[in-house]
Amino acid sequence: MENIDIKNILVSVNIPDVLNAISTNSTFEIDINGKFYLNAQAEPTMPIVFKSKVIEKNPAIVDSAVIIKELFKAYNPVINGAICKIKPLIAWQQVIDLNKGKMLYFDHQSDGVEIFEDKEVEDMGWEATALDINYREIAEHIEHECKGCLVFYDNDIQFNGFVIAKDLDEVRQKVKAFIITKIEEKIKNDELDKDDDDVCDALSFFGIE
């Protein structure tokens, strides 16, 4: 999985593309690599850093630099000729909100990983908790073994970020295999109470008697 530190991202935006979108009452998205999508959306597996709404033209404002700076004011825009550079880190919360529909999970700075947005992965994670296999272990396995990206902010004091999976079928298969391997280890080491109803239900869920 690709690790993307938001602190290191500086996106270059082509100003004529933005002005054209505004002049034609079009919407656009900009992905984390700076690709511009006019009246289109980035792939569900591609993080985005900006999404416009239909922008009402103000005839009193004719200076393109003023228009661009106002549009990207949350991103600390810097204009150099026909290029505007924006910093997604400055608008990190906005970036998180823009990608909520794409995330497999969000890793909160205080609560960690609370839920997997894919139902199959969430069901496996929920059942695994009865077997002392937690969401953190599953998330770390996903980040190490599955395709996709982890977009994060880390200032050495706090960490938070989100994961977008490239292939959910791959994630489901690898999470299930990981949990079953962990279960087999726990059974071998006599770490599970098979008299516990929740443990028995979880083992049955994973097809282990």
Protein backbone atom coordinates (compact mmCIF):
# COMPACT_ATOMS: atom_id res chain seq x y z
CA MET A 1 0.00 0.00 0.00
CA GLU A 2 1.27 3.45 -0.92
CA ASN A 3 1.88 5.75 2.05
CA ILE A 4 1.10 9.40 1.30
CA ASP A 5 2.21 11.91 3.93
CA ILE A 6 -0.03 14.93 3.38
CA LYS A 7 2.75 17.19 4.70
CA ASN A 8 4.80 16.41 1.61
CA ILE A 9 2.07 17.12 -0.95
CA LEU A 10 2.09 20.34 -2.96
CA VAL A 11 -0.41 20.31 -5.82
CA SER A 12 0.03 22.37 -8.98
CA VAL A 13 -3.20 23.59 -10.55
CA ASN A 14 -3.41 24.99 -14.09
CA ILE A 15 -5.17 28.35 -13.68
CA PRO A 16 -6.68 28.45 -17.23
CA ASP A 17 -8.43 25.13 -16.47
CA VAL A 18 -10.04 26.63 -13.38
CA LEU A 19 -11.03 29.86 -15.13
CA ASN A 20 -12.56 27.86 -17.97
CA ALA A 21 -14.60 25.84 -15.47
CA ILE A 22 -15.86 29.02 -13.83
CA SER A 23 -16.72 30.67 -17.16
CA THR A 24 -18.76 27.64 -18.28
CA ASN A 25 -20.47 27.10 -14.91
CA SER A 26 -18.78 23.72 -14.68
CA THR A 27 -17.72 21.71 -11.66
CA PHE A 28 -14.36 20.05 -11.21
CA GLU A 29 -12.26 17.89 -8.93
CA ILE A 30 -8.52 17.84 -8.36
CA ASP A 31 -6.85 14.64 -7.24
CA ILE A 32 -3.85 14.27 -4.97
CA ASN A 33 -1.53 14.15 -7.99
CA GLY A 34 -2.91 17.40 -9.40
CA LYS A 35 -5.02 15.85 -12.18
CA PHE A 36 -7.96 18.07 -13.12
CA TYR A 37 -11.41 16.53 -13.75
CA LEU A 38 -13.79 18.89 -15.55
CA ASN A 39 -17.43 17.88 -15.04
CA ALA A 40 -16.12 14.49 -13.97
CA GLN A 41 -15.07 12.57 -10.89
CA ALA A 42 -11.80 10.89 -10.05
CA GLU A 43 -11.75 7.11 -9.80
CA PRO A 44 -13.21 5.82 -6.51
CA THR A 45 -9.72 4.57 -5.59
CA MET A 46 -8.05 7.96 -6.17
CA PRO A 47 -7.88 10.46 -3.26
CA ILE A 48 -9.02 13.98 -4.11
CA VAL A 49 -7.91 17.23 -2.50
CA PHE A 50 -10.44 19.68 -3.94
CA LYS A 51 -14.00 19.57 -5.25
CA SER A 52 -15.73 22.65 -6.58
CA LYS A 53 -19.34 23.65 -6.65
CA VAL A 54 -20.91 25.63 -9.47
CA ILE A 55 -19.32 29.03 -9.00
CA GLU A 56 -21.35 32.14 -9.63
CA LYS A 57 -19.35 34.61 -11.68
CA ASN A 58 -19.01 38.00 -10.05
CA PRO A 59 -18.80 40.63 -12.79
CA ALA A 60 -17.19 43.03 -10.35
CA ILE A 61 -14.14 40.75 -10.05
CA VAL A 62 -12.08 40.61 -13.23
CA ASP A 63 -8.66 39.88 -11.77
CA SER A 64 -8.01 36.15 -12.25
CA ALA A 65 -5.52 36.11 -9.37
CA VAL A 66 -8.19 37.40 -6.98
CA ILE A 67 -10.63 34.75 -8.21
CA ILE A 68 -8.11 31.94 -7.78
CA LYS A 69 -6.96 33.07 -4.36
CA GLU A 70 -10.54 33.29 -3.14
CA LEU A 71 -11.41 29.86 -4.53
CA PHE A 72 -8.42 28.14 -2.92
CA LYS A 73 -8.09 30.34 0.15
CA ALA A 74 -8.31 27.34 2.51
CA TYR A 75 -5.22 25.83 0.82
CA ASN A 76 -2.74 28.70 1.13
CA PRO A 77 -2.57 29.27 -2.67
CA VAL A 78 0.60 30.61 -4.28
CA ILE A 79 0.35 31.86 -7.87
CA ASN A 80 3.25 31.79 -10.29
CA GLY A 81 2.26 32.63 -13.84
CA ALA A 82 -0.41 30.21 -15.05
CA ILE A 83 0.13 27.82 -12.13
CA CYS A 84 -1.36 27.94 -8.65
CA LYS A 85 0.21 25.74 -6.00
CA ILE A 86 -2.00 24.60 -3.13
CA LYS A 87 -1.19 22.76 0.11
CA PRO A 88 -3.73 20.07 1.05
CA LEU A 89 -2.27 19.92 4.56
CA ILE A 90 -3.67 23.38 5.31
CA ALA A 91 -7.15 22.06 4.52
CA TRP A 92 -6.61 18.57 5.95
CA GLN A 93 -10.06 18.30 7.54
CA GLN A 94 -11.64 19.33 4.26
CA VAL A 95 -9.59 16.70 2.43
CA ILE A 96 -10.80 14.06 4.91
CA ASP A 97 -14.43 15.08 4.35
CA LEU A 98 -14.01 14.99 0.55
CA ASN A 99 -12.81 11.39 0.70
CA LYS A 100 -15.28 9.96 3.21
CA GLY A 101 -17.19 8.09 0.54
CA LYS A 102 -13.97 6.45 -0.72
CA MET A 103 -12.49 5.31 2.59
CA LEU A 104 -12.23 1.75 3.79
CA TYR A 105 -11.54 3.20 7.23
CA PHE A 106 -10.39 6.31 9.07
CA ASP A 107 -7.65 6.08 11.67
CA HIS A 108 -8.54 8.69 14.28
CA GLN A 109 -5.83 10.30 16.38
CA SER A 110 -7.51 9.31 19.65
CA ASP A 111 -10.02 6.57 18.84
CA GLY A 112 -7.98 4.67 16.26
CA VAL A 113 -9.86 2.49 13.76
CA GLU A 114 -13.47 2.15 14.93
CA ILE A 115 -15.22 0.78 11.86
CA PHE A 116 -14.56 -0.66 8.41
CA GLU A 117 -16.87 0.91 5.86
CA ASP A 118 -17.08 -2.29 3.81
CA LYS A 119 -19.74 -4.52 5.39
CA GLU A 120 -17.92 -7.81 4.80
CA VAL A 121 -14.69 -6.54 6.32
CA GLU A 122 -16.60 -4.93 9.19
CA ASP A 123 -18.45 -8.18 9.92
CA MET A 124 -15.13 -10.05 10.04
CA GLY A 125 -13.57 -7.40 12.24
CA TRP A 126 -16.53 -7.43 14.63
CA GLU A 127 -16.49 -11.23 14.99
CA ALA A 128 -12.69 -11.23 15.41
CA THR A 129 -12.90 -9.00 18.49
CA ALA A 130 -14.38 -11.94 20.44
CA LEU A 131 -11.18 -13.80 19.62
CA ASP A 132 -8.92 -11.00 20.89
CA ILE A 133 -8.03 -9.89 17.37
CA ASN A 134 -8.51 -6.14 17.23
CA TYR A 135 -9.16 -3.63 14.49
CA ARG A 136 -5.64 -2.23 14.77
CA GLU A 137 -4.09 -5.59 13.90
CA ILE A 138 -6.42 -6.00 10.94
CA ALA A 139 -5.78 -2.45 9.72
CA GLU A 140 -2.01 -2.91 9.89
CA HIS A 141 -2.31 -6.14 7.92
CA ILE A 142 -4.35 -4.34 5.25
CA GLU A 143 -1.77 -1.56 5.03
CA HIS A 144 1.11 -4.02 4.66
CA GLU A 145 -0.51 -6.58 2.35
CA CYS A 146 -3.18 -4.90 0.22
CA LYS A 147 -3.11 -2.50 -2.73
CA GLY A 148 -4.32 1.04 -2.25
CA CYS A 149 -3.15 4.09 -0.35
CA LEU A 150 -2.89 5.39 3.17
CA VAL A 151 -3.17 9.18 3.24
CA PHE A 152 -2.06 10.48 6.61
CA TYR A 153 -0.92 13.38 8.77
CA ASP A 154 1.79 12.75 11.35
CA ASN A 155 3.46 15.50 13.35
CA ASP A 156 5.23 13.12 15.79
CA ILE A 157 2.62 13.97 18.45
CA GLN A 158 -0.54 12.82 16.76
CA PHE A 159 -1.35 10.63 13.76
CA ASN A 160 -4.51 10.32 11.72
CA GLY A 161 -5.30 9.21 8.23
CA PHE A 162 -7.52 7.22 5.94
CA VAL A 163 -7.15 4.17 3.73
CA ILE A 164 -8.59 3.78 0.25
CA ALA A 165 -8.41 0.21 -1.00
CA LYS A 166 -7.65 -0.55 -4.63
CA ASP A 167 -9.48 -3.88 -4.68
CA LEU A 168 -12.06 -4.70 -2.00
CA ASP A 169 -12.19 -8.36 -3.01
CA GLU A 170 -8.45 -8.58 -2.31
CA VAL A 171 -8.95 -6.91 1.08
CA ARG A 172 -11.77 -9.29 2.03
CA GLN A 173 -9.77 -12.37 1.06
CA LYS A 174 -6.60 -11.25 2.81
CA VAL A 175 -8.38 -10.11 5.97
CA LYS A 176 -10.20 -13.45 6.24
CA ALA A 177 -6.97 -15.41 5.67
CA PHE A 178 -5.17 -13.25 8.25
CA ILE A 179 -7.84 -13.77 10.90
CA ILE A 180 -8.00 -17.52 10.31
CA THR A 181 -4.21 -17.75 10.64
CA LYS A 182 -4.39 -15.79 13.92
CA ILE A 183 -7.17 -18.09 15.17
CA GLU A 184 -5.13 -21.19 14.37
CA GLU A 185 -2.19 -19.74 16.30
CA LYS A 186 -4.41 -19.00 19.29
CA ILE A 187 -5.89 -22.50 19.24
CA LYS A 188 -2.41 -24.00 19.04
CA ASN A 189 -1.33 -21.90 22.03
CA ASP A 190 -4.57 -22.66 23.92
CA GLU A 191 -5.47 -18.96 24.09
CA LEU A 192 -9.20 -19.27 23.36
CA ASP A 193 -12.00 -20.17 25.76
CA LYS A 194 -14.13 -22.52 23.66
CA ASP A 195 -16.77 -22.61 26.39
CA ASP A 196 -17.50 -18.94 25.77
CA ASP A 197 -20.56 -18.45 23.54
CA ASP A 198 -19.13 -15.41 21.76
CA VAL A 199 -15.91 -17.29 21.01
CA CYS A 200 -17.88 -20.26 19.66
CA ASP A 201 -20.04 -18.00 17.49
CA ALA A 202 -16.96 -16.25 16.11
CA LEU A 203 -15.20 -19.54 15.35
CA SER A 204 -18.31 -20.74 13.56
CA PHE A 205 -18.42 -17.53 11.55
CA PHE A 206 -14.95 -18.25 10.25
CA GLY A 207 -15.75 -21.89 9.58
CA ILE A 208 -13.67 -23.28 12.44
CA GLU A 209 -15.13 -25.93 14.71
